[in-house]
Amino acid sequence: MKQDNQNGKKKFHSGFVAIVGRPNVGKSTLMNHIIGQKIAIMSDKPQTTRNKIHGVYTKDDKQIVFLDTPGIHKPQSKLGNFMVKSAVNALDEVEAALFLIDVSEGIGGGDRFIIEQLKNVKNTPVFLVMNKIDKVKPEELLKIITQYKDLYDFAEIIPISALQGNNVETLLEQLGRYLPEGPQYYPADQITDHPEQFVCAELIREKILHQTREEIPHSIAVTIEDMRVQENGVVYIGAVIFVERDSQKGIIIGKQGALLKEVGKQARRDIETLLGSRTFLELWVKVKKDWRNSERTLKDLGFRHD
């Protein structure tokens, strides 16, 4: 930590950092590891993250507010347009950006598209963060680094494994050097600025992603309609799962309600960890036709650029 020469007080550095990349390269895994708790849901299905998720990392000398953005992809719906615009806009709001890539996959059109977006960002240092290094041989990393260096002038290039935590501390140390002197935006024990209802809804959606296949993951949205502490100290949560078609409703519920029951069981476990309290979770499934292409419905479900 640097010392102020005039009054001897320790300097504090802070700033916002965007995590961008193609879908499914490990953005949410990285942020959850840094924060030390699950606040961004994870799945092997593309487009898992839909909103910018803010995670707060605080140490004695610095505070970094991470923005886990939706994966940048070619949109096929109004929801997709929202997700891509949300991710690109984040680049104008930050002190630094982490461009996360999966080194176990070759450079593709999605990576090149993101680099073109990065070229429009002025005065923001961009780190190339090479994730999943445990899946490739060390000599292969040099070839990948050369490929990316030919496309963009990165401020730093750091190989990591977000899942195993390899070299993540080095990444945080390097980020700290780029943060300006500034205030502590959030209390030291706060890990996200999203309300608990938002995180609970995301945890429920994650469990549905794990339990379903094909078109279902992209067709669901979850809202918390009721959340309160009961007299016995148990937190009651009433949540609605929206789908686009009647057939999808049947899939989510499952035979004799088995799938929905399993979703509730797994989600309640994570929610209780998040809240530190016993929880009673009640789930309903409702059909909202073609909600991903309805601007009004998207706004009602919380997909707002503001």
C-alpha atoms as a PDB file:
ATOM      1  CA  MET A   1       0.000   0.000   0.000  1.00  0.00           C
ATOM      2  CA  LYS A   2       1.322   3.413  -0.954  1.00  0.00           C
ATOM      3  CA  GLN A   3       1.842   6.167   1.600  1.00  0.00           C
ATOM      4  CA  ASP A   4       0.733   9.750   1.161  1.00  0.00           C
ATOM      5  CA  ASN A   5       3.859  11.907   1.511  1.00  0.00           C
ATOM      6  CA  GLN A   6       2.021  14.888   3.011  1.00  0.00           C
ATOM      7  CA  ASN A   7       0.074  13.411   5.885  1.00  0.00           C
ATOM      8  CA  GLY A   8       1.327   9.837   6.129  1.00  0.00           C
ATOM      9  CA  LYS A   9      -2.124   8.360   5.569  1.00  0.00           C
ATOM     10  CA  LYS A  10      -2.480   5.193   3.549  1.00  0.00           C
ATOM     11  CA  LYS A  11      -3.850   5.688   0.055  1.00  0.00           C
ATOM     12  CA  PHE A  12      -6.966   3.803  -0.984  1.00  0.00           C
ATOM     13  CA  HIS A  13      -7.576   2.823  -4.596  1.00  0.00           C
ATOM     14  CA  SER A  14     -10.887   1.835  -6.141  1.00  0.00           C
ATOM     15  CA  GLY A  15     -12.591   1.361  -9.458  1.00  0.00           C
ATOM     16  CA  PHE A  16     -14.907  -0.634 -11.695  1.00  0.00           C
ATOM     17  CA  VAL A  17     -13.716  -3.510 -13.887  1.00  0.00           C
ATOM     18  CA  ALA A  18     -15.751  -5.179 -16.647  1.00  0.00           C
ATOM     19  CA  ILE A  19     -15.367  -8.869 -17.453  1.00  0.00           C
ATOM     20  CA  VAL A  20     -16.189  -9.476 -21.126  1.00  0.00           C
ATOM     21  CA  GLY A  21     -15.903 -12.471 -23.395  1.00  0.00           C
ATOM     22  CA  ARG A  22     -17.781 -14.978 -25.483  1.00  0.00           C
ATOM     23  CA  PRO A  23     -20.502 -17.038 -23.792  1.00  0.00           C
ATOM     24  CA  ASN A  24     -19.274 -19.879 -21.603  1.00  0.00           C
ATOM     25  CA  VAL A  25     -15.602 -18.870 -21.246  1.00  0.00           C
ATOM     26  CA  GLY A  26     -15.767 -18.731 -17.428  1.00  0.00           C
ATOM     27  CA  LYS A  27     -16.671 -15.127 -16.591  1.00  0.00           C
ATOM     28  CA  SER A  28     -19.061 -16.013 -13.773  1.00  0.00           C
ATOM     29  CA  THR A  29     -16.697 -18.693 -12.453  1.00  0.00           C
ATOM     30  CA  LEU A  30     -13.919 -16.114 -12.223  1.00  0.00           C
ATOM     31  CA  MET A  31     -16.006 -13.541 -10.395  1.00  0.00           C
ATOM     32  CA  ASN A  32     -17.416 -16.060  -7.934  1.00  0.00           C
ATOM     33  CA  HIS A  33     -13.879 -17.221  -7.140  1.00  0.00           C
ATOM     34  CA  ILE A  34     -12.678 -13.660  -6.576  1.00  0.00           C
ATOM     35  CA  ILE A  35     -15.644 -12.741  -4.375  1.00  0.00           C
ATOM     36  CA  GLY A  36     -15.501 -16.042  -2.489  1.00  0.00           C
ATOM     37  CA  GLN A  37     -19.226 -16.711  -2.786  1.00  0.00           C
ATOM     38  CA  LYS A  38     -21.665 -17.526  -5.544  1.00  0.00           C
ATOM     39  CA  ILE A  39     -23.382 -14.363  -6.762  1.00  0.00           C
ATOM     40  CA  ALA A  40     -23.302 -15.105 -10.489  1.00  0.00           C
ATOM     41  CA  ILE A  41     -24.877 -18.330 -11.702  1.00  0.00           C
ATOM     42  CA  MET A  42     -22.876 -20.874 -13.648  1.00  0.00           C
ATOM     43  CA  SER A  43     -23.863 -23.319 -16.353  1.00  0.00           C
ATOM     44  CA  ASP A  44     -22.285 -24.988 -19.366  1.00  0.00           C
ATOM     45  CA  LYS A  45     -25.081 -23.510 -21.490  1.00  0.00           C
ATOM     46  CA  PRO A  46     -24.431 -20.282 -23.467  1.00  0.00           C
ATOM     47  CA  GLN A  47     -26.118 -17.015 -22.461  1.00  0.00           C
ATOM     48  CA  THR A  48     -26.380 -18.013 -18.812  1.00  0.00           C
ATOM     49  CA  THR A  49     -25.666 -14.456 -17.597  1.00  0.00           C
ATOM     50  CA  ARG A  50     -28.278 -11.967 -18.836  1.00  0.00           C
ATOM     51  CA  ASN A  51     -27.694  -8.859 -16.729  1.00  0.00           C
ATOM     52  CA  LYS A  52     -24.539  -7.135 -15.568  1.00  0.00           C
ATOM     53  CA  ILE A  53     -23.776  -8.740 -12.210  1.00  0.00           C
ATOM     54  CA  HIS A  54     -21.805  -6.547  -9.809  1.00  0.00           C
ATOM     55  CA  GLY A  55     -19.373  -8.258  -7.434  1.00  0.00           C
ATOM     56  CA  VAL A  56     -17.475  -6.274  -4.801  1.00  0.00           C
ATOM     57  CA  TYR A  57     -13.912  -7.253  -3.837  1.00  0.00           C
ATOM     58  CA  THR A  58     -12.480  -5.302  -0.888  1.00  0.00           C
ATOM     59  CA  LYS A  59      -9.056  -5.316   0.749  1.00  0.00           C
ATOM     60  CA  ASP A  60      -7.351  -2.887   3.149  1.00  0.00           C
ATOM     61  CA  ASP A  61      -5.888  -0.841   0.297  1.00  0.00           C
ATOM     62  CA  LYS A  62      -8.393  -1.234  -2.522  1.00  0.00           C
ATOM     63  CA  GLN A  63     -11.911  -2.021  -3.655  1.00  0.00           C
ATOM     64  CA  ILE A  64     -12.680  -3.464  -7.082  1.00  0.00           C
ATOM     65  CA  VAL A  65     -16.266  -3.590  -8.322  1.00  0.00           C
ATOM     66  CA  PHE A  66     -16.476  -6.295 -10.987  1.00  0.00           C
ATOM     67  CA  LEU A  67     -19.135  -6.277 -13.689  1.00  0.00           C
ATOM     68  CA  ASP A  68     -19.791  -9.798 -14.962  1.00  0.00           C
ATOM     69  CA  THR A  69     -21.365  -9.052 -18.334  1.00  0.00           C
ATOM     70  CA  PRO A  70     -23.506 -11.267 -20.585  1.00  0.00           C
ATOM     71  CA  GLY A  71     -21.518 -13.181 -23.174  1.00  0.00           C
ATOM     72  CA  ILE A  72     -21.177 -11.181 -26.384  1.00  0.00           C
ATOM     73  CA  HIS A  73     -22.807 -13.148 -29.201  1.00  0.00           C
ATOM     74  CA  LYS A  74     -24.906 -12.727 -32.338  1.00  0.00           C
ATOM     75  CA  PRO A  75     -28.373 -11.901 -30.932  1.00  0.00           C
ATOM     76  CA  GLN A  76     -31.477 -13.721 -32.176  1.00  0.00           C
ATOM     77  CA  SER A  77     -34.119 -11.958 -30.068  1.00  0.00           C
ATOM     78  CA  LYS A  78     -34.781  -8.660 -28.329  1.00  0.00           C
ATOM     79  CA  LEU A  79     -33.478 -10.267 -25.145  1.00  0.00           C
ATOM     80  CA  GLY A  80     -30.298 -11.136 -27.027  1.00  0.00           C
ATOM     81  CA  ASN A  81     -29.990  -7.537 -28.231  1.00  0.00           C
ATOM     82  CA  PHE A  82     -30.329  -6.347 -24.629  1.00  0.00           C
ATOM     83  CA  MET A  83     -27.627  -8.734 -23.453  1.00  0.00           C
ATOM     84  CA  VAL A  84     -25.076  -7.723 -26.079  1.00  0.00           C
ATOM     85  CA  LYS A  85     -25.763  -4.000 -25.676  1.00  0.00           C
ATOM     86  CA  SER A  86     -25.443  -4.371 -21.905  1.00  0.00           C
ATOM     87  CA  ALA A  87     -22.043  -6.026 -22.255  1.00  0.00           C
ATOM     88  CA  VAL A  88     -20.669  -3.518 -24.775  1.00  0.00           C
ATOM     89  CA  ASN A  89     -21.943  -0.508 -22.812  1.00  0.00           C
ATOM     90  CA  ALA A  90     -20.099  -1.741 -19.722  1.00  0.00           C
ATOM     91  CA  LEU A  91     -16.802  -0.996 -21.455  1.00  0.00           C
ATOM     92  CA  ASP A  92     -17.486   2.736 -21.195  1.00  0.00           C
ATOM     93  CA  GLU A  93     -18.161   2.629 -17.447  1.00  0.00           C
ATOM     94  CA  VAL A  94     -14.955   1.135 -16.101  1.00  0.00           C
ATOM     95  CA  GLU A  95     -11.355   1.783 -15.112  1.00  0.00           C
ATOM     96  CA  ALA A  96     -10.209  -1.473 -16.733  1.00  0.00           C
ATOM     97  CA  ALA A  97     -11.615  -4.375 -18.730  1.00  0.00           C
ATOM     98  CA  LEU A  98     -10.803  -8.078 -18.574  1.00  0.00           C
ATOM     99  CA  PHE A  99     -11.181  -9.842 -21.923  1.00  0.00           C
ATOM    100  CA  LEU A 100     -11.589 -13.472 -20.902  1.00  0.00           C
ATOM    101  CA  ILE A 101     -10.848 -16.209 -23.421  1.00  0.00           C
ATOM    102  CA  ASP A 102     -10.927 -20.004 -23.294  1.00  0.00           C
ATOM    103  CA  VAL A 103      -7.446 -21.134 -24.318  1.00  0.00           C
ATOM    104  CA  SER A 104      -8.674 -24.687 -24.887  1.00  0.00           C
ATOM    105  CA  GLU A 105     -10.638 -23.387 -27.875  1.00  0.00           C
ATOM    106  CA  GLY A 106      -9.133 -21.688 -30.900  1.00  0.00           C
ATOM    107  CA  ILE A 107      -9.658 -18.005 -31.584  1.00  0.00           C
ATOM    108  CA  GLY A 108     -13.020 -17.635 -33.288  1.00  0.00           C
ATOM    109  CA  GLY A 109     -15.331 -15.115 -34.864  1.00  0.00           C
ATOM    110  CA  GLY A 110     -16.800 -14.239 -31.482  1.00  0.00           C
ATOM    111  CA  ASP A 111     -13.376 -13.349 -30.080  1.00  0.00           C
ATOM    112  CA  ARG A 112     -12.566 -11.216 -33.132  1.00  0.00           C
ATOM    113  CA  PHE A 113     -15.916  -9.422 -32.825  1.00  0.00           C
ATOM    114  CA  ILE A 114     -15.196  -8.526 -29.193  1.00  0.00           C
ATOM    115  CA  ILE A 115     -11.738  -7.246 -30.104  1.00  0.00           C
ATOM    116  CA  GLU A 116     -13.339  -4.929 -32.669  1.00  0.00           C
ATOM    117  CA  GLN A 117     -15.594  -3.583 -29.898  1.00  0.00           C
ATOM    118  CA  LEU A 118     -12.572  -3.089 -27.658  1.00  0.00           C
ATOM    119  CA  LYS A 119     -10.902  -0.972 -30.336  1.00  0.00           C
ATOM    120  CA  ASN A 120     -13.679   1.591 -29.881  1.00  0.00           C
ATOM    121  CA  VAL A 121     -12.893   1.973 -26.172  1.00  0.00           C
ATOM    122  CA  LYS A 122     -10.605   4.911 -25.425  1.00  0.00           C
ATOM    123  CA  ASN A 123      -8.251   5.260 -22.462  1.00  0.00           C
ATOM    124  CA  THR A 124      -9.372   2.005 -20.790  1.00  0.00           C
ATOM    125  CA  PRO A 125      -6.634  -0.587 -20.208  1.00  0.00           C
ATOM    126  CA  VAL A 126      -7.670  -4.038 -21.402  1.00  0.00           C
ATOM    127  CA  PHE A 127      -6.239  -7.227 -19.889  1.00  0.00           C
ATOM    128  CA  LEU A 128      -6.158 -10.408 -21.934  1.00  0.00           C
ATOM    129  CA  VAL A 129      -7.078 -13.062 -19.352  1.00  0.00           C
ATOM    130  CA  MET A 130      -6.354 -16.524 -20.694  1.00  0.00           C
ATOM    131  CA  ASN A 131      -8.636 -18.910 -18.827  1.00  0.00           C
ATOM    132  CA  LYS A 132      -8.553 -22.723 -18.531  1.00  0.00           C
ATOM    133  CA  ILE A 133      -4.755 -22.980 -18.780  1.00  0.00           C
ATOM    134  CA  ASP A 134      -5.017 -26.356 -17.056  1.00  0.00           C
ATOM    135  CA  LYS A 135      -6.436 -27.734 -20.309  1.00  0.00           C
ATOM    136  CA  VAL A 136      -3.481 -26.905 -22.587  1.00  0.00           C
ATOM    137  CA  LYS A 137       0.270 -27.495 -22.645  1.00  0.00           C
ATOM    138  CA  PRO A 138       2.501 -24.529 -21.628  1.00  0.00           C
ATOM    139  CA  GLU A 139       4.150 -24.339 -25.045  1.00  0.00           C
ATOM    140  CA  GLU A 140       0.728 -23.881 -26.662  1.00  0.00           C
ATOM    141  CA  LEU A 141       0.128 -20.709 -24.627  1.00  0.00           C
ATOM    142  CA  LEU A 142       2.919 -18.865 -26.435  1.00  0.00           C
ATOM    143  CA  LYS A 143       1.260 -19.460 -29.811  1.00  0.00           C
ATOM    144  CA  ILE A 144      -2.083 -18.226 -28.468  1.00  0.00           C
ATOM    145  CA  ILE A 145      -0.499 -15.122 -26.936  1.00  0.00           C
ATOM    146  CA  THR A 146       1.118 -14.268 -30.281  1.00  0.00           C
ATOM    147  CA  GLN A 147      -2.213 -14.626 -32.084  1.00  0.00           C
ATOM    148  CA  TYR A 148      -3.966 -12.195 -29.771  1.00  0.00           C
ATOM    149  CA  LYS A 149      -1.078  -9.711 -29.541  1.00  0.00           C
ATOM    150  CA  ASP A 150      -1.254  -9.333 -33.327  1.00  0.00           C
ATOM    151  CA  LEU A 151      -4.895  -8.253 -33.021  1.00  0.00           C
ATOM    152  CA  TYR A 152      -4.811  -5.843 -30.058  1.00  0.00           C
ATOM    153  CA  ASP A 153      -2.387  -3.975 -27.820  1.00  0.00           C
ATOM    154  CA  PHE A 154      -3.288  -5.415 -24.425  1.00  0.00           C
ATOM    155  CA  ALA A 155      -2.153  -3.663 -21.243  1.00  0.00           C
ATOM    156  CA  GLU A 156      -1.459  -7.020 -19.576  1.00  0.00           C
ATOM    157  CA  ILE A 157      -1.654 -10.688 -20.569  1.00  0.00           C
ATOM    158  CA  ILE A 158      -2.331 -13.053 -17.682  1.00  0.00           C
ATOM    159  CA  PRO A 159      -2.988 -16.822 -17.892  1.00  0.00           C
ATOM    160  CA  ILE A 160      -5.280 -18.229 -15.188  1.00  0.00           C
ATOM    161  CA  SER A 161      -7.573 -21.057 -14.212  1.00  0.00           C
ATOM    162  CA  ALA A 162     -10.733 -19.516 -12.778  1.00  0.00           C
ATOM    163  CA  LEU A 163     -12.051 -22.895 -11.654  1.00  0.00           C
ATOM    164  CA  GLN A 164      -8.875 -23.907  -9.801  1.00  0.00           C
ATOM    165  CA  GLY A 165      -7.871 -20.380  -8.814  1.00  0.00           C
ATOM    166  CA  ASN A 166      -4.465 -20.582 -10.463  1.00  0.00           C
ATOM    167  CA  ASN A 167      -2.801 -17.159 -10.855  1.00  0.00           C
ATOM    168  CA  VAL A 168      -5.973 -15.259  -9.863  1.00  0.00           C
ATOM    169  CA  GLU A 169      -4.094 -13.457  -7.076  1.00  0.00           C
ATOM    170  CA  THR A 170      -1.577 -12.221  -9.644  1.00  0.00           C
ATOM    171  CA  LEU A 171      -4.436 -10.909 -11.745  1.00  0.00           C
ATOM    172  CA  LEU A 172      -5.834  -8.976  -8.759  1.00  0.00           C
ATOM    173  CA  GLU A 173      -2.421  -7.547  -7.917  1.00  0.00           C
ATOM    174  CA  GLN A 174      -1.943  -6.306 -11.472  1.00  0.00           C
ATOM    175  CA  LEU A 175      -5.438  -4.804 -11.531  1.00  0.00           C
ATOM    176  CA  GLY A 176      -4.698  -2.887  -8.349  1.00  0.00           C
ATOM    177  CA  ARG A 177      -1.881  -1.042 -10.133  1.00  0.00           C
ATOM    178  CA  TYR A 178      -4.332   0.388 -12.651  1.00  0.00           C
ATOM    179  CA  LEU A 179      -6.907   1.644 -10.146  1.00  0.00           C
ATOM    180  CA  PRO A 180      -6.965   5.381  -9.385  1.00  0.00           C
ATOM    181  CA  GLU A 181      -6.964   6.708  -5.857  1.00  0.00           C
ATOM    182  CA  GLY A 182     -10.584   6.842  -4.821  1.00  0.00           C
ATOM    183  CA  PRO A 183     -13.308   6.145  -2.244  1.00  0.00           C
ATOM    184  CA  GLN A 184     -14.586   2.893  -0.818  1.00  0.00           C
ATOM    185  CA  TYR A 185     -17.910   2.624  -2.634  1.00  0.00           C
ATOM    186  CA  TYR A 186     -19.361  -0.222  -0.564  1.00  0.00           C
ATOM    187  CA  PRO A 187     -18.961  -1.524   3.002  1.00  0.00           C
ATOM    188  CA  ALA A 188     -16.127  -4.025   3.372  1.00  0.00           C
ATOM    189  CA  ASP A 189     -18.509  -6.933   4.035  1.00  0.00           C
ATOM    190  CA  GLN A 190     -20.765  -6.266   1.018  1.00  0.00           C
ATOM    191  CA  ILE A 191     -20.159  -8.593  -1.930  1.00  0.00           C
ATOM    192  CA  THR A 192     -22.768  -7.373  -4.432  1.00  0.00           C
ATOM    193  CA  ASP A 193     -24.996  -4.368  -4.996  1.00  0.00           C
ATOM    194  CA  HIS A 194     -27.866  -6.444  -6.346  1.00  0.00           C
ATOM    195  CA  PRO A 195     -30.825  -6.998  -4.011  1.00  0.00           C
ATOM    196  CA  GLU A 196     -31.186 -10.423  -2.457  1.00  0.00           C
ATOM    197  CA  GLN A 197     -34.330 -11.039  -4.531  1.00  0.00           C
ATOM    198  CA  PHE A 198     -32.317 -10.744  -7.742  1.00  0.00           C
ATOM    199  CA  VAL A 199     -29.655 -13.215  -6.606  1.00  0.00           C
ATOM    200  CA  CYS A 200     -32.292 -15.667  -5.338  1.00  0.00           C
ATOM    201  CA  ALA A 201     -34.093 -15.549  -8.698  1.00  0.00           C
ATOM    202  CA  GLU A 202     -30.806 -16.193 -10.492  1.00  0.00           C
ATOM    203  CA  LEU A 203     -30.031 -19.187  -8.249  1.00  0.00           C
ATOM    204  CA  ILE A 204     -33.415 -20.702  -9.112  1.00  0.00           C
ATOM    205  CA  ARG A 205     -32.779 -20.137 -12.826  1.00  0.00           C
ATOM    206  CA  GLU A 206     -29.374 -21.802 -12.515  1.00  0.00           C
ATOM    207  CA  LYS A 207     -30.943 -24.989 -11.169  1.00  0.00           C
ATOM    208  CA  ILE A 208     -33.393 -25.065 -14.076  1.00  0.00           C
ATOM    209  CA  LEU A 209     -30.468 -24.716 -16.491  1.00  0.00           C
ATOM    210  CA  HIS A 210     -28.827 -27.712 -14.840  1.00  0.00           C
ATOM    211  CA  GLN A 211     -31.995 -29.829 -15.031  1.00  0.00           C
ATOM    212  CA  THR A 212     -33.181 -29.064 -18.582  1.00  0.00           C
ATOM    213  CA  ARG A 213     -31.904 -29.293 -22.135  1.00  0.00           C
ATOM    214  CA  GLU A 214     -32.355 -27.942 -25.661  1.00  0.00           C
ATOM    215  CA  GLU A 215     -34.567 -24.855 -26.012  1.00  0.00           C
ATOM    216  CA  ILE A 216     -35.741 -24.638 -22.402  1.00  0.00           C
ATOM    217  CA  PRO A 217     -32.790 -22.673 -20.895  1.00  0.00           C
ATOM    218  CA  HIS A 218     -33.271 -19.667 -23.172  1.00  0.00           C
ATOM    219  CA  SER A 219     -37.053 -19.645 -22.702  1.00  0.00           C
ATOM    220  CA  ILE A 220     -37.198 -19.203 -18.927  1.00  0.00           C
ATOM    221  CA  ALA A 221     -37.207 -16.189 -16.650  1.00  0.00           C
ATOM    222  CA  VAL A 222     -37.614 -16.135 -12.871  1.00  0.00           C
ATOM    223  CA  THR A 223     -39.083 -13.406 -10.679  1.00  0.00           C
ATOM    224  CA  ILE A 224     -39.490 -13.240  -6.906  1.00  0.00           C
ATOM    225  CA  GLU A 225     -43.033 -12.113  -6.136  1.00  0.00           C
ATOM    226  CA  ASP A 226     -42.924 -12.458  -2.353  1.00  0.00           C
ATOM    227  CA  MET A 227     -40.025 -12.533   0.090  1.00  0.00           C
ATOM    228  CA  ARG A 228     -40.461 -12.026   3.835  1.00  0.00           C
ATOM    229  CA  VAL A 229     -39.276 -13.255   7.209  1.00  0.00           C
ATOM    230  CA  GLN A 230     -42.013 -15.218   8.994  1.00  0.00           C
ATOM    231  CA  GLU A 231     -42.665 -15.131  12.739  1.00  0.00           C
ATOM    232  CA  ASN A 232     -40.735 -18.377  13.204  1.00  0.00           C
ATOM    233  CA  GLY A 233     -37.637 -16.803  11.599  1.00  0.00           C
ATOM    234  CA  VAL A 234     -37.908 -18.770   8.366  1.00  0.00           C
ATOM    235  CA  VAL A 235     -37.589 -16.716   5.160  1.00  0.00           C
ATOM    236  CA  TYR A 236     -40.556 -17.314   2.856  1.00  0.00           C
ATOM    237  CA  ILE A 237     -39.893 -16.898  -0.879  1.00  0.00           C
ATOM    238  CA  GLY A 238     -42.568 -17.162  -3.555  1.00  0.00           C
ATOM    239  CA  ALA A 239     -41.097 -17.298  -7.067  1.00  0.00           C
ATOM    240  CA  VAL A 240     -42.613 -17.533 -10.540  1.00  0.00           C
ATOM    241  CA  ILE A 241     -40.884 -19.302 -13.412  1.00  0.00           C
ATOM    242  CA  PHE A 242     -41.996 -17.930 -16.787  1.00  0.00           C
ATOM    243  CA  VAL A 243     -41.828 -19.997 -19.970  1.00  0.00           C
ATOM    244  CA  GLU A 244     -42.965 -19.250 -23.525  1.00  0.00           C
ATOM    245  CA  ARG A 245     -45.103 -22.296 -24.347  1.00  0.00           C
ATOM    246  CA  ASP A 246     -47.469 -24.716 -22.599  1.00  0.00           C
ATOM    247  CA  SER A 247     -45.243 -27.662 -23.565  1.00  0.00           C
ATOM    248  CA  GLN A 248     -42.318 -25.998 -21.756  1.00  0.00           C
ATOM    249  CA  LYS A 249     -44.431 -25.625 -18.630  1.00  0.00           C
ATOM    250  CA  GLY A 250     -44.948 -29.375 -18.562  1.00  0.00           C
ATOM    251  CA  ILE A 251     -41.214 -30.006 -18.929  1.00  0.00           C
ATOM    252  CA  ILE A 252     -40.320 -27.641 -16.080  1.00  0.00           C
ATOM    253  CA  ILE A 253     -42.875 -29.226 -13.756  1.00  0.00           C
ATOM    254  CA  GLY A 254     -41.867 -32.763 -14.731  1.00  0.00           C
ATOM    255  CA  LYS A 255     -43.649 -36.046 -14.143  1.00  0.00           C
ATOM    256  CA  GLN A 256     -45.743 -35.705 -10.987  1.00  0.00           C
ATOM    257  CA  GLY A 257     -43.898 -32.456 -10.256  1.00  0.00           C
ATOM    258  CA  ALA A 258     -40.543 -34.238  -9.836  1.00  0.00           C
ATOM    259  CA  LEU A 259     -38.344 -31.799 -11.800  1.00  0.00           C
ATOM    260  CA  LEU A 260     -39.807 -28.697 -10.178  1.00  0.00           C
ATOM    261  CA  LYS A 261     -39.389 -30.288  -6.756  1.00  0.00           C
ATOM    262  CA  GLU A 262     -35.712 -31.030  -7.482  1.00  0.00           C
ATOM    263  CA  VAL A 263     -35.149 -27.459  -8.704  1.00  0.00           C
ATOM    264  CA  GLY A 264     -36.669 -26.141  -5.485  1.00  0.00           C
ATOM    265  CA  LYS A 265     -34.579 -28.475  -3.337  1.00  0.00           C
ATOM    266  CA  GLN A 266     -31.282 -27.469  -4.958  1.00  0.00           C
ATOM    267  CA  ALA A 267     -32.122 -23.755  -5.118  1.00  0.00           C
ATOM    268  CA  ARG A 268     -33.194 -23.642  -1.470  1.00  0.00           C
ATOM    269  CA  ARG A 269     -29.819 -25.060  -0.434  1.00  0.00           C
ATOM    270  CA  ASP A 270     -27.914 -22.231  -2.183  1.00  0.00           C
ATOM    271  CA  ILE A 271     -30.370 -19.572  -1.040  1.00  0.00           C
ATOM    272  CA  GLU A 272     -30.000 -20.631   2.587  1.00  0.00           C
ATOM    273  CA  THR A 273     -26.224 -20.300   2.211  1.00  0.00           C
ATOM    274  CA  LEU A 274     -26.672 -16.845   0.693  1.00  0.00           C
ATOM    275  CA  LEU A 275     -29.117 -15.603   3.331  1.00  0.00           C
ATOM    276  CA  GLY A 276     -27.712 -17.493   6.310  1.00  0.00           C
ATOM    277  CA  SER A 277     -31.243 -18.490   7.279  1.00  0.00           C
ATOM    278  CA  ARG A 278     -33.718 -21.338   6.902  1.00  0.00           C
ATOM    279  CA  THR A 279     -35.874 -20.820   3.831  1.00  0.00           C
ATOM    280  CA  PHE A 280     -39.267 -21.992   2.617  1.00  0.00           C
ATOM    281  CA  LEU A 281     -39.308 -21.790  -1.193  1.00  0.00           C
ATOM    282  CA  GLU A 282     -42.524 -21.995  -3.182  1.00  0.00           C
ATOM    283  CA  LEU A 283     -42.408 -22.157  -6.989  1.00  0.00           C
ATOM    284  CA  TRP A 284     -45.019 -21.612  -9.687  1.00  0.00           C
ATOM    285  CA  VAL A 285     -44.689 -22.019 -13.454  1.00  0.00           C
ATOM    286  CA  LYS A 286     -46.571 -19.650 -15.770  1.00  0.00           C
ATOM    287  CA  VAL A 287     -46.711 -19.236 -19.551  1.00  0.00           C
ATOM    288  CA  LYS A 288     -45.916 -15.815 -21.032  1.00  0.00           C
ATOM    289  CA  LYS A 289     -46.021 -16.161 -24.807  1.00  0.00           C
ATOM    290  CA  ASP A 290     -42.834 -15.126 -26.670  1.00  0.00           C
ATOM    291  CA  TRP A 291     -41.657 -12.986 -23.739  1.00  0.00           C
ATOM    292  CA  ARG A 292     -38.109 -12.680 -25.110  1.00  0.00           C
ATOM    293  CA  ASN A 293     -39.383 -10.521 -27.984  1.00  0.00           C
ATOM    294  CA  SER A 294     -41.775  -8.352 -25.951  1.00  0.00           C
ATOM    295  CA  GLU A 295     -40.188  -5.058 -24.891  1.00  0.00           C
ATOM    296  CA  ARG A 296     -42.876  -4.486 -22.257  1.00  0.00           C
ATOM    297  CA  THR A 297     -42.405  -7.938 -20.749  1.00  0.00           C
ATOM    298  CA  LEU A 298     -38.617  -7.588 -20.798  1.00  0.00           C
ATOM    299  CA  LYS A 299     -38.920  -4.345 -18.822  1.00  0.00           C
ATOM    300  CA  ASP A 300     -41.370  -5.968 -16.387  1.00  0.00           C
ATOM    301  CA  LEU A 301     -38.861  -8.783 -15.830  1.00  0.00           C
ATOM    302  CA  GLY A 302     -36.087  -6.315 -15.047  1.00  0.00           C
ATOM    303  CA  PHE A 303     -34.196  -6.172 -18.342  1.00  0.00           C
ATOM    304  CA  ARG A 304     -33.593  -2.414 -18.427  1.00  0.00           C
ATOM    305  CA  HIS A 305     -30.514  -0.634 -19.785  1.00  0.00           C
ATOM    306  CA  ASP A 306     -30.749   1.954 -17.006  1.00  0.00           C
END
